[in-house]
Every structure is written in structure tokens, then in C-alpha cells.
Amino acid sequence: IVAHTYFSMGRRPSKPIAGMLLCAILSDTLNLLGPTTTEWDKMIVALLAEIAEIDDINFLASQQFKAKSKELATLSAHQLVCGDQ
């Protein structure tokens, strides 16, 4: 939604902002493989990757998921179940 707002207002996010928005979409859509991924997500990811100068979004997503997995490994079962409320 944030990336869409930038583009619909005729603005271009800075490189750092584009990188953060790109990471957010990749996380939310499970690297564009999740069931809620839209064609719009794919188009915005391509635009943001170009602005952020990211050549390999698959590598970026894998690094994100690896970092998140390390964080999750420290949580108890109760924290995992109740942590996303």
C-alpha cells in the first residue's frame, strides 16, 4: 500500500526506502510465492528492486528468512503461538 501510494502520487522512493518496501513485500508474500501474492505485488517488487539496485530478490528473501528463523529459534512454543497477536 505504501509503495502504491508513492507511485500513484508520481513520486519515486529513495533507494533506502525502496529497499525497505521491497523487503516488506517479499516478507509478506513469502518471496512472491504465498497464496495472497498478486500481480500488483510482482510489478511493484520489480520496480522497487530496480530503484534499490537489488539484482537478486531471491537471495535477498533467503537472507531475510534466515535472519527471521534465527530469531524464532530462541522463542518458546507459547511465544511462537501468542507472538503475532
C-alpha atoms as a PDB file:
ATOM      1  CA  ILE A   1       0.000   0.000   0.000  1.00  0.00           C
ATOM      2  CA  VAL A   2       2.829   2.395   0.860  1.00  0.00           C
ATOM      3  CA  ALA A   3       4.708   1.650  -2.371  1.00  0.00           C
ATOM      4  CA  HIS A   4       1.493   2.012  -4.355  1.00  0.00           C
ATOM      5  CA  THR A   5       0.918   5.420  -2.760  1.00  0.00           C
ATOM      6  CA  TYR A   6       4.393   6.592  -3.770  1.00  0.00           C
ATOM      7  CA  PHE A   7       3.852   5.609  -7.384  1.00  0.00           C
ATOM      8  CA  SER A   8       0.244   6.759  -7.648  1.00  0.00           C
ATOM      9  CA  MET A   9       1.341  10.209  -6.417  1.00  0.00           C
ATOM     10  CA  GLY A  10       4.041  10.311  -9.082  1.00  0.00           C
ATOM     11  CA  ARG A  11       6.835  10.029  -6.523  1.00  0.00           C
ATOM     12  CA  ARG A  12       9.830   7.737  -6.536  1.00  0.00           C
ATOM     13  CA  PRO A  13      11.007   6.370  -3.179  1.00  0.00           C
ATOM     14  CA  SER A  14      14.665   6.838  -2.315  1.00  0.00           C
ATOM     15  CA  LYS A  15      16.971   3.847  -2.627  1.00  0.00           C
ATOM     16  CA  PRO A  16      16.845   3.028   1.135  1.00  0.00           C
ATOM     17  CA  ILE A  17      13.060   3.387   1.294  1.00  0.00           C
ATOM     18  CA  ALA A  18      12.665   1.274  -1.841  1.00  0.00           C
ATOM     19  CA  GLY A  19      14.818  -1.409  -0.193  1.00  0.00           C
ATOM     20  CA  MET A  20      12.707  -1.413   2.961  1.00  0.00           C
ATOM     21  CA  LEU A  21       9.456  -1.550   0.985  1.00  0.00           C
ATOM     22  CA  LEU A  22      10.869  -4.355  -1.150  1.00  0.00           C
ATOM     23  CA  CYS A  23      11.794  -6.367   1.938  1.00  0.00           C
ATOM     24  CA  ALA A  24       8.342  -5.813   3.412  1.00  0.00           C
ATOM     25  CA  ILE A  25       6.587  -7.120   0.300  1.00  0.00           C
ATOM     26  CA  LEU A  26       8.942 -10.105  -0.009  1.00  0.00           C
ATOM     27  CA  SER A  27       8.310 -10.988   3.630  1.00  0.00           C
ATOM     28  CA  ASP A  28       4.551 -10.525   3.419  1.00  0.00           C
ATOM     29  CA  THR A  29       4.206 -12.551   0.213  1.00  0.00           C
ATOM     30  CA  LEU A  30       6.782 -15.222   1.133  1.00  0.00           C
ATOM     31  CA  ASN A  31       9.024 -14.149  -1.734  1.00  0.00           C
ATOM     32  CA  LEU A  32       6.039 -13.798  -4.077  1.00  0.00           C
ATOM     33  CA  LEU A  33       5.157 -17.482  -3.563  1.00  0.00           C
ATOM     34  CA  GLY A  34       2.420 -17.082  -0.939  1.00  0.00           C
ATOM     35  CA  PRO A  35      -1.243 -17.641  -1.783  1.00  0.00           C
ATOM     36  CA  THR A  36      -2.107 -13.965  -1.310  1.00  0.00           C
ATOM     37  CA  THR A  37       0.512 -12.717  -3.793  1.00  0.00           C
ATOM     38  CA  THR A  38      -0.986 -10.528  -6.518  1.00  0.00           C
ATOM     39  CA  GLU A  39       0.225  -9.445  -9.929  1.00  0.00           C
ATOM     40  CA  TRP A  40       0.446  -5.961  -8.428  1.00  0.00           C
ATOM     41  CA  ASP A  41       2.906  -7.282  -5.810  1.00  0.00           C
ATOM     42  CA  LYS A  42       5.079  -8.728  -8.560  1.00  0.00           C
ATOM     43  CA  MET A  43       5.048  -5.481 -10.538  1.00  0.00           C
ATOM     44  CA  ILE A  44       5.867  -3.343  -7.506  1.00  0.00           C
ATOM     45  CA  VAL A  45       8.677  -5.713  -6.468  1.00  0.00           C
ATOM     46  CA  ALA A  46      10.251  -5.337  -9.914  1.00  0.00           C
ATOM     47  CA  LEU A  47      10.082  -1.532  -9.688  1.00  0.00           C
ATOM     48  CA  LEU A  48      11.405  -1.407  -6.135  1.00  0.00           C
ATOM     49  CA  ALA A  49      14.234  -3.846  -6.915  1.00  0.00           C
ATOM     50  CA  GLU A  50      15.320  -1.599  -9.771  1.00  0.00           C
ATOM     51  CA  ILE A  51      15.272   1.519  -7.575  1.00  0.00           C
ATOM     52  CA  ALA A  52      17.034  -0.252  -4.688  1.00  0.00           C
ATOM     53  CA  GLU A  53      19.563  -1.736  -7.127  1.00  0.00           C
ATOM     54  CA  ILE A  54      18.846  -5.302  -5.983  1.00  0.00           C
ATOM     55  CA  ASP A  55      19.805  -7.792  -8.677  1.00  0.00           C
ATOM     56  CA  ASP A  56      18.754 -10.989  -6.916  1.00  0.00           C
ATOM     57  CA  ILE A  57      15.499 -10.762  -4.985  1.00  0.00           C
ATOM     58  CA  ASN A  58      15.592 -14.497  -4.268  1.00  0.00           C
ATOM     59  CA  PHE A  59      18.886 -14.079  -2.412  1.00  0.00           C
ATOM     60  CA  LEU A  60      17.525 -11.064  -0.537  1.00  0.00           C
ATOM     61  CA  ALA A  61      14.429 -13.025   0.508  1.00  0.00           C
ATOM     62  CA  SER A  62      16.517 -16.025   1.596  1.00  0.00           C
ATOM     63  CA  GLN A  63      18.663 -13.761   3.780  1.00  0.00           C
ATOM     64  CA  GLN A  64      15.539 -12.260   5.332  1.00  0.00           C
ATOM     65  CA  PHE A  65      14.056 -15.672   6.077  1.00  0.00           C
ATOM     66  CA  LYS A  66      17.363 -16.907   7.506  1.00  0.00           C
ATOM     67  CA  ALA A  67      17.531 -13.922   9.888  1.00  0.00           C
ATOM     68  CA  LYS A  68      13.918 -14.410  10.948  1.00  0.00           C
ATOM     69  CA  SER A  69      14.483 -18.141  11.527  1.00  0.00           C
ATOM     70  CA  LYS A  70      17.368 -17.379  13.904  1.00  0.00           C
ATOM     71  CA  GLU A  71      15.107 -15.050  15.863  1.00  0.00           C
ATOM     72  CA  LEU A  72      12.270 -17.569  16.014  1.00  0.00           C
ATOM     73  CA  ALA A  73      14.590 -20.327  17.203  1.00  0.00           C
ATOM     74  CA  THR A  74      15.006 -18.511  20.514  1.00  0.00           C
ATOM     75  CA  LEU A  75      11.276 -18.439  21.290  1.00  0.00           C
ATOM     76  CA  SER A  76       9.289 -20.932  23.331  1.00  0.00           C
ATOM     77  CA  ALA A  77       6.256 -22.728  21.879  1.00  0.00           C
ATOM     78  CA  HIS A  78       3.977 -20.373  23.828  1.00  0.00           C
ATOM     79  CA  GLN A  79       5.781 -17.297  22.498  1.00  0.00           C
ATOM     80  CA  LEU A  80       5.541 -18.625  18.944  1.00  0.00           C
ATOM     81  CA  VAL A  81       1.817 -19.220  19.206  1.00  0.00           C
ATOM     82  CA  CYS A  82       0.976 -15.991  21.005  1.00  0.00           C
ATOM     83  CA  GLY A  83       3.596 -13.694  19.498  1.00  0.00           C
ATOM     84  CA  ASP A  84       1.708 -12.480  16.453  1.00  0.00           C
ATOM     85  CA  GLN A  85      -1.337 -11.040  18.179  1.00  0.00           C
END
